[in-house]
Amino acid sequence: HTAMLGDKLLTDVLGAKRSGILALM
């Protein structure tokens, strides 16, 4: 039920993926 919104792959997207949450960029 959680998503992460960010502008960087190496922090926001990778962290979201590692945490099992939806990665929005």
PDBML (XML) file of the C-alpha atoms, coordinates in Angstrom:
<?xml version="1.0" encoding="UTF-8" ?>
<PDBx:datablock datablockName="MODEL"
   xmlns:PDBx="http://pdbml.pdb.org/schema/pdbx-v50.xsd"
   xmlns:xsi="http://www.w3.org/2001/XMLSchema-instance"
   xsi:schemaLocation="http://pdbml.pdb.org/schema/pdbx-v50.xsd pdbx-v50.xsd">
   <PDBx:atom_siteCategory>
      <PDBx:atom_site id="1">
         <PDBx:B_iso_or_equiv>0.00</PDBx:B_iso_or_equiv>
         <PDBx:Cartn_x>0.000</PDBx:Cartn_x>
         <PDBx:Cartn_y>0.000</PDBx:Cartn_y>
         <PDBx:Cartn_z>0.000</PDBx:Cartn_z>
         <PDBx:auth_asym_id>A</PDBx:auth_asym_id>
         <PDBx:auth_atom_id>CA</PDBx:auth_atom_id>
         <PDBx:auth_comp_id>HIS</PDBx:auth_comp_id>
         <PDBx:auth_seq_id>1</PDBx:auth_seq_id>
         <PDBx:group_PDB>ATOM</PDBx:group_PDB>
         <PDBx:label_alt_id xsi:nil="true" />
         <PDBx:label_asym_id>A</PDBx:label_asym_id>
         <PDBx:label_atom_id>CA</PDBx:label_atom_id>
         <PDBx:label_comp_id>HIS</PDBx:label_comp_id>
         <PDBx:label_entity_id>1</PDBx:label_entity_id>
         <PDBx:label_seq_id>1</PDBx:label_seq_id>
         <PDBx:occupancy>1.00</PDBx:occupancy>
         <PDBx:pdbx_PDB_model_num>1</PDBx:pdbx_PDB_model_num>
         <PDBx:type_symbol>C</PDBx:type_symbol>
      </PDBx:atom_site>
      <PDBx:atom_site id="2">
         <PDBx:B_iso_or_equiv>0.00</PDBx:B_iso_or_equiv>
         <PDBx:Cartn_x>3.075</PDBx:Cartn_x>
         <PDBx:Cartn_y>2.248</PDBx:Cartn_y>
         <PDBx:Cartn_z>-0.256</PDBx:Cartn_z>
         <PDBx:auth_asym_id>A</PDBx:auth_asym_id>
         <PDBx:auth_atom_id>CA</PDBx:auth_atom_id>
         <PDBx:auth_comp_id>THR</PDBx:auth_comp_id>
         <PDBx:auth_seq_id>2</PDBx:auth_seq_id>
         <PDBx:group_PDB>ATOM</PDBx:group_PDB>
         <PDBx:label_alt_id xsi:nil="true" />
         <PDBx:label_asym_id>A</PDBx:label_asym_id>
         <PDBx:label_atom_id>CA</PDBx:label_atom_id>
         <PDBx:label_comp_id>THR</PDBx:label_comp_id>
         <PDBx:label_entity_id>1</PDBx:label_entity_id>
         <PDBx:label_seq_id>2</PDBx:label_seq_id>
         <PDBx:occupancy>1.00</PDBx:occupancy>
         <PDBx:pdbx_PDB_model_num>1</PDBx:pdbx_PDB_model_num>
         <PDBx:type_symbol>C</PDBx:type_symbol>
      </PDBx:atom_site>
      <PDBx:atom_site id="3">
         <PDBx:B_iso_or_equiv>0.00</PDBx:B_iso_or_equiv>
         <PDBx:Cartn_x>4.778</PDBx:Cartn_x>
         <PDBx:Cartn_y>4.040</PDBx:Cartn_y>
         <PDBx:Cartn_z>-3.154</PDBx:Cartn_z>
         <PDBx:auth_asym_id>A</PDBx:auth_asym_id>
         <PDBx:auth_atom_id>CA</PDBx:auth_atom_id>
         <PDBx:auth_comp_id>ALA</PDBx:auth_comp_id>
         <PDBx:auth_seq_id>3</PDBx:auth_seq_id>
         <PDBx:group_PDB>ATOM</PDBx:group_PDB>
         <PDBx:label_alt_id xsi:nil="true" />
         <PDBx:label_asym_id>A</PDBx:label_asym_id>
         <PDBx:label_atom_id>CA</PDBx:label_atom_id>
         <PDBx:label_comp_id>ALA</PDBx:label_comp_id>
         <PDBx:label_entity_id>1</PDBx:label_entity_id>
         <PDBx:label_seq_id>3</PDBx:label_seq_id>
         <PDBx:occupancy>1.00</PDBx:occupancy>
         <PDBx:pdbx_PDB_model_num>1</PDBx:pdbx_PDB_model_num>
         <PDBx:type_symbol>C</PDBx:type_symbol>
      </PDBx:atom_site>
      <PDBx:atom_site id="4">
         <PDBx:B_iso_or_equiv>0.00</PDBx:B_iso_or_equiv>
         <PDBx:Cartn_x>7.968</PDBx:Cartn_x>
         <PDBx:Cartn_y>6.095</PDBx:Cartn_y>
         <PDBx:Cartn_z>-3.379</PDBx:Cartn_z>
         <PDBx:auth_asym_id>A</PDBx:auth_asym_id>
         <PDBx:auth_atom_id>CA</PDBx:auth_atom_id>
         <PDBx:auth_comp_id>MET</PDBx:auth_comp_id>
         <PDBx:auth_seq_id>4</PDBx:auth_seq_id>
         <PDBx:group_PDB>ATOM</PDBx:group_PDB>
         <PDBx:label_alt_id xsi:nil="true" />
         <PDBx:label_asym_id>A</PDBx:label_asym_id>
         <PDBx:label_atom_id>CA</PDBx:label_atom_id>
         <PDBx:label_comp_id>MET</PDBx:label_comp_id>
         <PDBx:label_entity_id>1</PDBx:label_entity_id>
         <PDBx:label_seq_id>4</PDBx:label_seq_id>
         <PDBx:occupancy>1.00</PDBx:occupancy>
         <PDBx:pdbx_PDB_model_num>1</PDBx:pdbx_PDB_model_num>
         <PDBx:type_symbol>C</PDBx:type_symbol>
      </PDBx:atom_site>
      <PDBx:atom_site id="5">
         <PDBx:B_iso_or_equiv>0.00</PDBx:B_iso_or_equiv>
         <PDBx:Cartn_x>8.175</PDBx:Cartn_x>
         <PDBx:Cartn_y>9.179</PDBx:Cartn_y>
         <PDBx:Cartn_z>-5.570</PDBx:Cartn_z>
         <PDBx:auth_asym_id>A</PDBx:auth_asym_id>
         <PDBx:auth_atom_id>CA</PDBx:auth_atom_id>
         <PDBx:auth_comp_id>LEU</PDBx:auth_comp_id>
         <PDBx:auth_seq_id>5</PDBx:auth_seq_id>
         <PDBx:group_PDB>ATOM</PDBx:group_PDB>
         <PDBx:label_alt_id xsi:nil="true" />
         <PDBx:label_asym_id>A</PDBx:label_asym_id>
         <PDBx:label_atom_id>CA</PDBx:label_atom_id>
         <PDBx:label_comp_id>LEU</PDBx:label_comp_id>
         <PDBx:label_entity_id>1</PDBx:label_entity_id>
         <PDBx:label_seq_id>5</PDBx:label_seq_id>
         <PDBx:occupancy>1.00</PDBx:occupancy>
         <PDBx:pdbx_PDB_model_num>1</PDBx:pdbx_PDB_model_num>
         <PDBx:type_symbol>C</PDBx:type_symbol>
      </PDBx:atom_site>
      <PDBx:atom_site id="6">
         <PDBx:B_iso_or_equiv>0.00</PDBx:B_iso_or_equiv>
         <PDBx:Cartn_x>11.591</PDBx:Cartn_x>
         <PDBx:Cartn_y>10.494</PDBx:Cartn_y>
         <PDBx:Cartn_z>-6.520</PDBx:Cartn_z>
         <PDBx:auth_asym_id>A</PDBx:auth_asym_id>
         <PDBx:auth_atom_id>CA</PDBx:auth_atom_id>
         <PDBx:auth_comp_id>GLY</PDBx:auth_comp_id>
         <PDBx:auth_seq_id>6</PDBx:auth_seq_id>
         <PDBx:group_PDB>ATOM</PDBx:group_PDB>
         <PDBx:label_alt_id xsi:nil="true" />
         <PDBx:label_asym_id>A</PDBx:label_asym_id>
         <PDBx:label_atom_id>CA</PDBx:label_atom_id>
         <PDBx:label_comp_id>GLY</PDBx:label_comp_id>
         <PDBx:label_entity_id>1</PDBx:label_entity_id>
         <PDBx:label_seq_id>6</PDBx:label_seq_id>
         <PDBx:occupancy>1.00</PDBx:occupancy>
         <PDBx:pdbx_PDB_model_num>1</PDBx:pdbx_PDB_model_num>
         <PDBx:type_symbol>C</PDBx:type_symbol>
      </PDBx:atom_site>
      <PDBx:atom_site id="7">
         <PDBx:B_iso_or_equiv>0.00</PDBx:B_iso_or_equiv>
         <PDBx:Cartn_x>13.848</PDBx:Cartn_x>
         <PDBx:Cartn_y>11.772</PDBx:Cartn_y>
         <PDBx:Cartn_z>-9.274</PDBx:Cartn_z>
         <PDBx:auth_asym_id>A</PDBx:auth_asym_id>
         <PDBx:auth_atom_id>CA</PDBx:auth_atom_id>
         <PDBx:auth_comp_id>ASP</PDBx:auth_comp_id>
         <PDBx:auth_seq_id>7</PDBx:auth_seq_id>
         <PDBx:group_PDB>ATOM</PDBx:group_PDB>
         <PDBx:label_alt_id xsi:nil="true" />
         <PDBx:label_asym_id>A</PDBx:label_asym_id>
         <PDBx:label_atom_id>CA</PDBx:label_atom_id>
         <PDBx:label_comp_id>ASP</PDBx:label_comp_id>
         <PDBx:label_entity_id>1</PDBx:label_entity_id>
         <PDBx:label_seq_id>7</PDBx:label_seq_id>
         <PDBx:occupancy>1.00</PDBx:occupancy>
         <PDBx:pdbx_PDB_model_num>1</PDBx:pdbx_PDB_model_num>
         <PDBx:type_symbol>C</PDBx:type_symbol>
      </PDBx:atom_site>
      <PDBx:atom_site id="8">
         <PDBx:B_iso_or_equiv>0.00</PDBx:B_iso_or_equiv>
         <PDBx:Cartn_x>16.917</PDBx:Cartn_x>
         <PDBx:Cartn_y>9.534</PDBx:Cartn_y>
         <PDBx:Cartn_z>-8.880</PDBx:Cartn_z>
         <PDBx:auth_asym_id>A</PDBx:auth_asym_id>
         <PDBx:auth_atom_id>CA</PDBx:auth_atom_id>
         <PDBx:auth_comp_id>LYS</PDBx:auth_comp_id>
         <PDBx:auth_seq_id>8</PDBx:auth_seq_id>
         <PDBx:group_PDB>ATOM</PDBx:group_PDB>
         <PDBx:label_alt_id xsi:nil="true" />
         <PDBx:label_asym_id>A</PDBx:label_asym_id>
         <PDBx:label_atom_id>CA</PDBx:label_atom_id>
         <PDBx:label_comp_id>LYS</PDBx:label_comp_id>
         <PDBx:label_entity_id>1</PDBx:label_entity_id>
         <PDBx:label_seq_id>8</PDBx:label_seq_id>
         <PDBx:occupancy>1.00</PDBx:occupancy>
         <PDBx:pdbx_PDB_model_num>1</PDBx:pdbx_PDB_model_num>
         <PDBx:type_symbol>C</PDBx:type_symbol>
      </PDBx:atom_site>
      <PDBx:atom_site id="9">
         <PDBx:B_iso_or_equiv>0.00</PDBx:B_iso_or_equiv>
         <PDBx:Cartn_x>17.392</PDBx:Cartn_x>
         <PDBx:Cartn_y>5.884</PDBx:Cartn_y>
         <PDBx:Cartn_z>-9.735</PDBx:Cartn_z>
         <PDBx:auth_asym_id>A</PDBx:auth_asym_id>
         <PDBx:auth_atom_id>CA</PDBx:auth_atom_id>
         <PDBx:auth_comp_id>LEU</PDBx:auth_comp_id>
         <PDBx:auth_seq_id>9</PDBx:auth_seq_id>
         <PDBx:group_PDB>ATOM</PDBx:group_PDB>
         <PDBx:label_alt_id xsi:nil="true" />
         <PDBx:label_asym_id>A</PDBx:label_asym_id>
         <PDBx:label_atom_id>CA</PDBx:label_atom_id>
         <PDBx:label_comp_id>LEU</PDBx:label_comp_id>
         <PDBx:label_entity_id>1</PDBx:label_entity_id>
         <PDBx:label_seq_id>9</PDBx:label_seq_id>
         <PDBx:occupancy>1.00</PDBx:occupancy>
         <PDBx:pdbx_PDB_model_num>1</PDBx:pdbx_PDB_model_num>
         <PDBx:type_symbol>C</PDBx:type_symbol>
      </PDBx:atom_site>
      <PDBx:atom_site id="10">
         <PDBx:B_iso_or_equiv>0.00</PDBx:B_iso_or_equiv>
         <PDBx:Cartn_x>20.314</PDBx:Cartn_x>
         <PDBx:Cartn_y>5.205</PDBx:Cartn_y>
         <PDBx:Cartn_z>-7.403</PDBx:Cartn_z>
         <PDBx:auth_asym_id>A</PDBx:auth_asym_id>
         <PDBx:auth_atom_id>CA</PDBx:auth_atom_id>
         <PDBx:auth_comp_id>LEU</PDBx:auth_comp_id>
         <PDBx:auth_seq_id>10</PDBx:auth_seq_id>
         <PDBx:group_PDB>ATOM</PDBx:group_PDB>
         <PDBx:label_alt_id xsi:nil="true" />
         <PDBx:label_asym_id>A</PDBx:label_asym_id>
         <PDBx:label_atom_id>CA</PDBx:label_atom_id>
         <PDBx:label_comp_id>LEU</PDBx:label_comp_id>
         <PDBx:label_entity_id>1</PDBx:label_entity_id>
         <PDBx:label_seq_id>10</PDBx:label_seq_id>
         <PDBx:occupancy>1.00</PDBx:occupancy>
         <PDBx:pdbx_PDB_model_num>1</PDBx:pdbx_PDB_model_num>
         <PDBx:type_symbol>C</PDBx:type_symbol>
      </PDBx:atom_site>
      <PDBx:atom_site id="11">
         <PDBx:B_iso_or_equiv>0.00</PDBx:B_iso_or_equiv>
         <PDBx:Cartn_x>18.520</PDBx:Cartn_x>
         <PDBx:Cartn_y>6.408</PDBx:Cartn_y>
         <PDBx:Cartn_z>-4.285</PDBx:Cartn_z>
         <PDBx:auth_asym_id>A</PDBx:auth_asym_id>
         <PDBx:auth_atom_id>CA</PDBx:auth_atom_id>
         <PDBx:auth_comp_id>THR</PDBx:auth_comp_id>
         <PDBx:auth_seq_id>11</PDBx:auth_seq_id>
         <PDBx:group_PDB>ATOM</PDBx:group_PDB>
         <PDBx:label_alt_id xsi:nil="true" />
         <PDBx:label_asym_id>A</PDBx:label_asym_id>
         <PDBx:label_atom_id>CA</PDBx:label_atom_id>
         <PDBx:label_comp_id>THR</PDBx:label_comp_id>
         <PDBx:label_entity_id>1</PDBx:label_entity_id>
         <PDBx:label_seq_id>11</PDBx:label_seq_id>
         <PDBx:occupancy>1.00</PDBx:occupancy>
         <PDBx:pdbx_PDB_model_num>1</PDBx:pdbx_PDB_model_num>
         <PDBx:type_symbol>C</PDBx:type_symbol>
      </PDBx:atom_site>
      <PDBx:atom_site id="12">
         <PDBx:B_iso_or_equiv>0.00</PDBx:B_iso_or_equiv>
         <PDBx:Cartn_x>14.758</PDBx:Cartn_x>
         <PDBx:Cartn_y>6.685</PDBx:Cartn_y>
         <PDBx:Cartn_z>-4.707</PDBx:Cartn_z>
         <PDBx:auth_asym_id>A</PDBx:auth_asym_id>
         <PDBx:auth_atom_id>CA</PDBx:auth_atom_id>
         <PDBx:auth_comp_id>ASP</PDBx:auth_comp_id>
         <PDBx:auth_seq_id>12</PDBx:auth_seq_id>
         <PDBx:group_PDB>ATOM</PDBx:group_PDB>
         <PDBx:label_alt_id xsi:nil="true" />
         <PDBx:label_asym_id>A</PDBx:label_asym_id>
         <PDBx:label_atom_id>CA</PDBx:label_atom_id>
         <PDBx:label_comp_id>ASP</PDBx:label_comp_id>
         <PDBx:label_entity_id>1</PDBx:label_entity_id>
         <PDBx:label_seq_id>12</PDBx:label_seq_id>
         <PDBx:occupancy>1.00</PDBx:occupancy>
         <PDBx:pdbx_PDB_model_num>1</PDBx:pdbx_PDB_model_num>
         <PDBx:type_symbol>C</PDBx:type_symbol>
      </PDBx:atom_site>
      <PDBx:atom_site id="13">
         <PDBx:B_iso_or_equiv>0.00</PDBx:B_iso_or_equiv>
         <PDBx:Cartn_x>14.000</PDBx:Cartn_x>
         <PDBx:Cartn_y>3.902</PDBx:Cartn_y>
         <PDBx:Cartn_z>-7.189</PDBx:Cartn_z>
         <PDBx:auth_asym_id>A</PDBx:auth_asym_id>
         <PDBx:auth_atom_id>CA</PDBx:auth_atom_id>
         <PDBx:auth_comp_id>VAL</PDBx:auth_comp_id>
         <PDBx:auth_seq_id>13</PDBx:auth_seq_id>
         <PDBx:group_PDB>ATOM</PDBx:group_PDB>
         <PDBx:label_alt_id xsi:nil="true" />
         <PDBx:label_asym_id>A</PDBx:label_asym_id>
         <PDBx:label_atom_id>CA</PDBx:label_atom_id>
         <PDBx:label_comp_id>VAL</PDBx:label_comp_id>
         <PDBx:label_entity_id>1</PDBx:label_entity_id>
         <PDBx:label_seq_id>13</PDBx:label_seq_id>
         <PDBx:occupancy>1.00</PDBx:occupancy>
         <PDBx:pdbx_PDB_model_num>1</PDBx:pdbx_PDB_model_num>
         <PDBx:type_symbol>C</PDBx:type_symbol>
      </PDBx:atom_site>
      <PDBx:atom_site id="14">
         <PDBx:B_iso_or_equiv>0.00</PDBx:B_iso_or_equiv>
         <PDBx:Cartn_x>16.584</PDBx:Cartn_x>
         <PDBx:Cartn_y>1.410</PDBx:Cartn_y>
         <PDBx:Cartn_z>-5.938</PDBx:Cartn_z>
         <PDBx:auth_asym_id>A</PDBx:auth_asym_id>
         <PDBx:auth_atom_id>CA</PDBx:auth_atom_id>
         <PDBx:auth_comp_id>LEU</PDBx:auth_comp_id>
         <PDBx:auth_seq_id>14</PDBx:auth_seq_id>
         <PDBx:group_PDB>ATOM</PDBx:group_PDB>
         <PDBx:label_alt_id xsi:nil="true" />
         <PDBx:label_asym_id>A</PDBx:label_asym_id>
         <PDBx:label_atom_id>CA</PDBx:label_atom_id>
         <PDBx:label_comp_id>LEU</PDBx:label_comp_id>
         <PDBx:label_entity_id>1</PDBx:label_entity_id>
         <PDBx:label_seq_id>14</PDBx:label_seq_id>
         <PDBx:occupancy>1.00</PDBx:occupancy>
         <PDBx:pdbx_PDB_model_num>1</PDBx:pdbx_PDB_model_num>
         <PDBx:type_symbol>C</PDBx:type_symbol>
      </PDBx:atom_site>
      <PDBx:atom_site id="15">
         <PDBx:B_iso_or_equiv>0.00</PDBx:B_iso_or_equiv>
         <PDBx:Cartn_x>15.524</PDBx:Cartn_x>
         <PDBx:Cartn_y>1.988</PDBx:Cartn_y>
         <PDBx:Cartn_z>-2.324</PDBx:Cartn_z>
         <PDBx:auth_asym_id>A</PDBx:auth_asym_id>
         <PDBx:auth_atom_id>CA</PDBx:auth_atom_id>
         <PDBx:auth_comp_id>GLY</PDBx:auth_comp_id>
         <PDBx:auth_seq_id>15</PDBx:auth_seq_id>
         <PDBx:group_PDB>ATOM</PDBx:group_PDB>
         <PDBx:label_alt_id xsi:nil="true" />
         <PDBx:label_asym_id>A</PDBx:label_asym_id>
         <PDBx:label_atom_id>CA</PDBx:label_atom_id>
         <PDBx:label_comp_id>GLY</PDBx:label_comp_id>
         <PDBx:label_entity_id>1</PDBx:label_entity_id>
         <PDBx:label_seq_id>15</PDBx:label_seq_id>
         <PDBx:occupancy>1.00</PDBx:occupancy>
         <PDBx:pdbx_PDB_model_num>1</PDBx:pdbx_PDB_model_num>
         <PDBx:type_symbol>C</PDBx:type_symbol>
      </PDBx:atom_site>
      <PDBx:atom_site id="16">
         <PDBx:B_iso_or_equiv>0.00</PDBx:B_iso_or_equiv>
         <PDBx:Cartn_x>11.864</PDBx:Cartn_x>
         <PDBx:Cartn_y>1.537</PDBx:Cartn_y>
         <PDBx:Cartn_z>-3.222</PDBx:Cartn_z>
         <PDBx:auth_asym_id>A</PDBx:auth_asym_id>
         <PDBx:auth_atom_id>CA</PDBx:auth_atom_id>
         <PDBx:auth_comp_id>ALA</PDBx:auth_comp_id>
         <PDBx:auth_seq_id>16</PDBx:auth_seq_id>
         <PDBx:group_PDB>ATOM</PDBx:group_PDB>
         <PDBx:label_alt_id xsi:nil="true" />
         <PDBx:label_asym_id>A</PDBx:label_asym_id>
         <PDBx:label_atom_id>CA</PDBx:label_atom_id>
         <PDBx:label_comp_id>ALA</PDBx:label_comp_id>
         <PDBx:label_entity_id>1</PDBx:label_entity_id>
         <PDBx:label_seq_id>16</PDBx:label_seq_id>
         <PDBx:occupancy>1.00</PDBx:occupancy>
         <PDBx:pdbx_PDB_model_num>1</PDBx:pdbx_PDB_model_num>
         <PDBx:type_symbol>C</PDBx:type_symbol>
      </PDBx:atom_site>
      <PDBx:atom_site id="17">
         <PDBx:B_iso_or_equiv>0.00</PDBx:B_iso_or_equiv>
         <PDBx:Cartn_x>12.587</PDBx:Cartn_x>
         <PDBx:Cartn_y>-1.697</PDBx:Cartn_y>
         <PDBx:Cartn_z>-5.073</PDBx:Cartn_z>
         <PDBx:auth_asym_id>A</PDBx:auth_asym_id>
         <PDBx:auth_atom_id>CA</PDBx:auth_atom_id>
         <PDBx:auth_comp_id>LYS</PDBx:auth_comp_id>
         <PDBx:auth_seq_id>17</PDBx:auth_seq_id>
         <PDBx:group_PDB>ATOM</PDBx:group_PDB>
         <PDBx:label_alt_id xsi:nil="true" />
         <PDBx:label_asym_id>A</PDBx:label_asym_id>
         <PDBx:label_atom_id>CA</PDBx:label_atom_id>
         <PDBx:label_comp_id>LYS</PDBx:label_comp_id>
         <PDBx:label_entity_id>1</PDBx:label_entity_id>
         <PDBx:label_seq_id>17</PDBx:label_seq_id>
         <PDBx:occupancy>1.00</PDBx:occupancy>
         <PDBx:pdbx_PDB_model_num>1</PDBx:pdbx_PDB_model_num>
         <PDBx:type_symbol>C</PDBx:type_symbol>
      </PDBx:atom_site>
      <PDBx:atom_site id="18">
         <PDBx:B_iso_or_equiv>0.00</PDBx:B_iso_or_equiv>
         <PDBx:Cartn_x>14.704</PDBx:Cartn_x>
         <PDBx:Cartn_y>-3.007</PDBx:Cartn_y>
         <PDBx:Cartn_z>-2.192</PDBx:Cartn_z>
         <PDBx:auth_asym_id>A</PDBx:auth_asym_id>
         <PDBx:auth_atom_id>CA</PDBx:auth_atom_id>
         <PDBx:auth_comp_id>ARG</PDBx:auth_comp_id>
         <PDBx:auth_seq_id>18</PDBx:auth_seq_id>
         <PDBx:group_PDB>ATOM</PDBx:group_PDB>
         <PDBx:label_alt_id xsi:nil="true" />
         <PDBx:label_asym_id>A</PDBx:label_asym_id>
         <PDBx:label_atom_id>CA</PDBx:label_atom_id>
         <PDBx:label_comp_id>ARG</PDBx:label_comp_id>
         <PDBx:label_entity_id>1</PDBx:label_entity_id>
         <PDBx:label_seq_id>18</PDBx:label_seq_id>
         <PDBx:occupancy>1.00</PDBx:occupancy>
         <PDBx:pdbx_PDB_model_num>1</PDBx:pdbx_PDB_model_num>
         <PDBx:type_symbol>C</PDBx:type_symbol>
      </PDBx:atom_site>
      <PDBx:atom_site id="19">
         <PDBx:B_iso_or_equiv>0.00</PDBx:B_iso_or_equiv>
         <PDBx:Cartn_x>11.841</PDBx:Cartn_x>
         <PDBx:Cartn_y>-2.165</PDBx:Cartn_y>
         <PDBx:Cartn_z>0.182</PDBx:Cartn_z>
         <PDBx:auth_asym_id>A</PDBx:auth_asym_id>
         <PDBx:auth_atom_id>CA</PDBx:auth_atom_id>
         <PDBx:auth_comp_id>SER</PDBx:auth_comp_id>
         <PDBx:auth_seq_id>19</PDBx:auth_seq_id>
         <PDBx:group_PDB>ATOM</PDBx:group_PDB>
         <PDBx:label_alt_id xsi:nil="true" />
         <PDBx:label_asym_id>A</PDBx:label_asym_id>
         <PDBx:label_atom_id>CA</PDBx:label_atom_id>
         <PDBx:label_comp_id>SER</PDBx:label_comp_id>
         <PDBx:label_entity_id>1</PDBx:label_entity_id>
         <PDBx:label_seq_id>19</PDBx:label_seq_id>
         <PDBx:occupancy>1.00</PDBx:occupancy>
         <PDBx:pdbx_PDB_model_num>1</PDBx:pdbx_PDB_model_num>
         <PDBx:type_symbol>C</PDBx:type_symbol>
      </PDBx:atom_site>
      <PDBx:atom_site id="20">
         <PDBx:B_iso_or_equiv>0.00</PDBx:B_iso_or_equiv>
         <PDBx:Cartn_x>9.230</PDBx:Cartn_x>
         <PDBx:Cartn_y>-3.905</PDBx:Cartn_y>
         <PDBx:Cartn_z>-1.954</PDBx:Cartn_z>
         <PDBx:auth_asym_id>A</PDBx:auth_asym_id>
         <PDBx:auth_atom_id>CA</PDBx:auth_atom_id>
         <PDBx:auth_comp_id>GLY</PDBx:auth_comp_id>
         <PDBx:auth_seq_id>20</PDBx:auth_seq_id>
         <PDBx:group_PDB>ATOM</PDBx:group_PDB>
         <PDBx:label_alt_id xsi:nil="true" />
         <PDBx:label_asym_id>A</PDBx:label_asym_id>
         <PDBx:label_atom_id>CA</PDBx:label_atom_id>
         <PDBx:label_comp_id>GLY</PDBx:label_comp_id>
         <PDBx:label_entity_id>1</PDBx:label_entity_id>
         <PDBx:label_seq_id>20</PDBx:label_seq_id>
         <PDBx:occupancy>1.00</PDBx:occupancy>
         <PDBx:pdbx_PDB_model_num>1</PDBx:pdbx_PDB_model_num>
         <PDBx:type_symbol>C</PDBx:type_symbol>
      </PDBx:atom_site>
      <PDBx:atom_site id="21">
         <PDBx:B_iso_or_equiv>0.00</PDBx:B_iso_or_equiv>
         <PDBx:Cartn_x>7.248</PDBx:Cartn_x>
         <PDBx:Cartn_y>-0.776</PDBx:Cartn_y>
         <PDBx:Cartn_z>-2.744</PDBx:Cartn_z>
         <PDBx:auth_asym_id>A</PDBx:auth_asym_id>
         <PDBx:auth_atom_id>CA</PDBx:auth_atom_id>
         <PDBx:auth_comp_id>ILE</PDBx:auth_comp_id>
         <PDBx:auth_seq_id>21</PDBx:auth_seq_id>
         <PDBx:group_PDB>ATOM</PDBx:group_PDB>
         <PDBx:label_alt_id xsi:nil="true" />
         <PDBx:label_asym_id>A</PDBx:label_asym_id>
         <PDBx:label_atom_id>CA</PDBx:label_atom_id>
         <PDBx:label_comp_id>ILE</PDBx:label_comp_id>
         <PDBx:label_entity_id>1</PDBx:label_entity_id>
         <PDBx:label_seq_id>21</PDBx:label_seq_id>
         <PDBx:occupancy>1.00</PDBx:occupancy>
         <PDBx:pdbx_PDB_model_num>1</PDBx:pdbx_PDB_model_num>
         <PDBx:type_symbol>C</PDBx:type_symbol>
      </PDBx:atom_site>
      <PDBx:atom_site id="22">
         <PDBx:B_iso_or_equiv>0.00</PDBx:B_iso_or_equiv>
         <PDBx:Cartn_x>6.041</PDBx:Cartn_x>
         <PDBx:Cartn_y>0.832</PDBx:Cartn_y>
         <PDBx:Cartn_z>-5.969</PDBx:Cartn_z>
         <PDBx:auth_asym_id>A</PDBx:auth_asym_id>
         <PDBx:auth_atom_id>CA</PDBx:auth_atom_id>
         <PDBx:auth_comp_id>LEU</PDBx:auth_comp_id>
         <PDBx:auth_seq_id>22</PDBx:auth_seq_id>
         <PDBx:group_PDB>ATOM</PDBx:group_PDB>
         <PDBx:label_alt_id xsi:nil="true" />
         <PDBx:label_asym_id>A</PDBx:label_asym_id>
         <PDBx:label_atom_id>CA</PDBx:label_atom_id>
         <PDBx:label_comp_id>LEU</PDBx:label_comp_id>
         <PDBx:label_entity_id>1</PDBx:label_entity_id>
         <PDBx:label_seq_id>22</PDBx:label_seq_id>
         <PDBx:occupancy>1.00</PDBx:occupancy>
         <PDBx:pdbx_PDB_model_num>1</PDBx:pdbx_PDB_model_num>
         <PDBx:type_symbol>C</PDBx:type_symbol>
      </PDBx:atom_site>
      <PDBx:atom_site id="23">
         <PDBx:B_iso_or_equiv>0.00</PDBx:B_iso_or_equiv>
         <PDBx:Cartn_x>8.706</PDBx:Cartn_x>
         <PDBx:Cartn_y>3.094</PDBx:Cartn_y>
         <PDBx:Cartn_z>-7.514</PDBx:Cartn_z>
         <PDBx:auth_asym_id>A</PDBx:auth_asym_id>
         <PDBx:auth_atom_id>CA</PDBx:auth_atom_id>
         <PDBx:auth_comp_id>ALA</PDBx:auth_comp_id>
         <PDBx:auth_seq_id>23</PDBx:auth_seq_id>
         <PDBx:group_PDB>ATOM</PDBx:group_PDB>
         <PDBx:label_alt_id xsi:nil="true" />
         <PDBx:label_asym_id>A</PDBx:label_asym_id>
         <PDBx:label_atom_id>CA</PDBx:label_atom_id>
         <PDBx:label_comp_id>ALA</PDBx:label_comp_id>
         <PDBx:label_entity_id>1</PDBx:label_entity_id>
         <PDBx:label_seq_id>23</PDBx:label_seq_id>
         <PDBx:occupancy>1.00</PDBx:occupancy>
         <PDBx:pdbx_PDB_model_num>1</PDBx:pdbx_PDB_model_num>
         <PDBx:type_symbol>C</PDBx:type_symbol>
      </PDBx:atom_site>
      <PDBx:atom_site id="24">
         <PDBx:B_iso_or_equiv>0.00</PDBx:B_iso_or_equiv>
         <PDBx:Cartn_x>7.407</PDBx:Cartn_x>
         <PDBx:Cartn_y>6.270</PDBx:Cartn_y>
         <PDBx:Cartn_z>-9.176</PDBx:Cartn_z>
         <PDBx:auth_asym_id>A</PDBx:auth_asym_id>
         <PDBx:auth_atom_id>CA</PDBx:auth_atom_id>
         <PDBx:auth_comp_id>LEU</PDBx:auth_comp_id>
         <PDBx:auth_seq_id>24</PDBx:auth_seq_id>
         <PDBx:group_PDB>ATOM</PDBx:group_PDB>
         <PDBx:label_alt_id xsi:nil="true" />
         <PDBx:label_asym_id>A</PDBx:label_asym_id>
         <PDBx:label_atom_id>CA</PDBx:label_atom_id>
         <PDBx:label_comp_id>LEU</PDBx:label_comp_id>
         <PDBx:label_entity_id>1</PDBx:label_entity_id>
         <PDBx:label_seq_id>24</PDBx:label_seq_id>
         <PDBx:occupancy>1.00</PDBx:occupancy>
         <PDBx:pdbx_PDB_model_num>1</PDBx:pdbx_PDB_model_num>
         <PDBx:type_symbol>C</PDBx:type_symbol>
      </PDBx:atom_site>
      <PDBx:atom_site id="25">
         <PDBx:B_iso_or_equiv>0.00</PDBx:B_iso_or_equiv>
         <PDBx:Cartn_x>9.880</PDBx:Cartn_x>
         <PDBx:Cartn_y>8.528</PDBx:Cartn_y>
         <PDBx:Cartn_z>-10.928</PDBx:Cartn_z>
         <PDBx:auth_asym_id>A</PDBx:auth_asym_id>
         <PDBx:auth_atom_id>CA</PDBx:auth_atom_id>
         <PDBx:auth_comp_id>MET</PDBx:auth_comp_id>
         <PDBx:auth_seq_id>25</PDBx:auth_seq_id>
         <PDBx:group_PDB>ATOM</PDBx:group_PDB>
         <PDBx:label_alt_id xsi:nil="true" />
         <PDBx:label_asym_id>A</PDBx:label_asym_id>
         <PDBx:label_atom_id>CA</PDBx:label_atom_id>
         <PDBx:label_comp_id>MET</PDBx:label_comp_id>
         <PDBx:label_entity_id>1</PDBx:label_entity_id>
         <PDBx:label_seq_id>25</PDBx:label_seq_id>
         <PDBx:occupancy>1.00</PDBx:occupancy>
         <PDBx:pdbx_PDB_model_num>1</PDBx:pdbx_PDB_model_num>
         <PDBx:type_symbol>C</PDBx:type_symbol>
      </PDBx:atom_site>
   </PDBx:atom_siteCategory>
</PDBx:datablock>
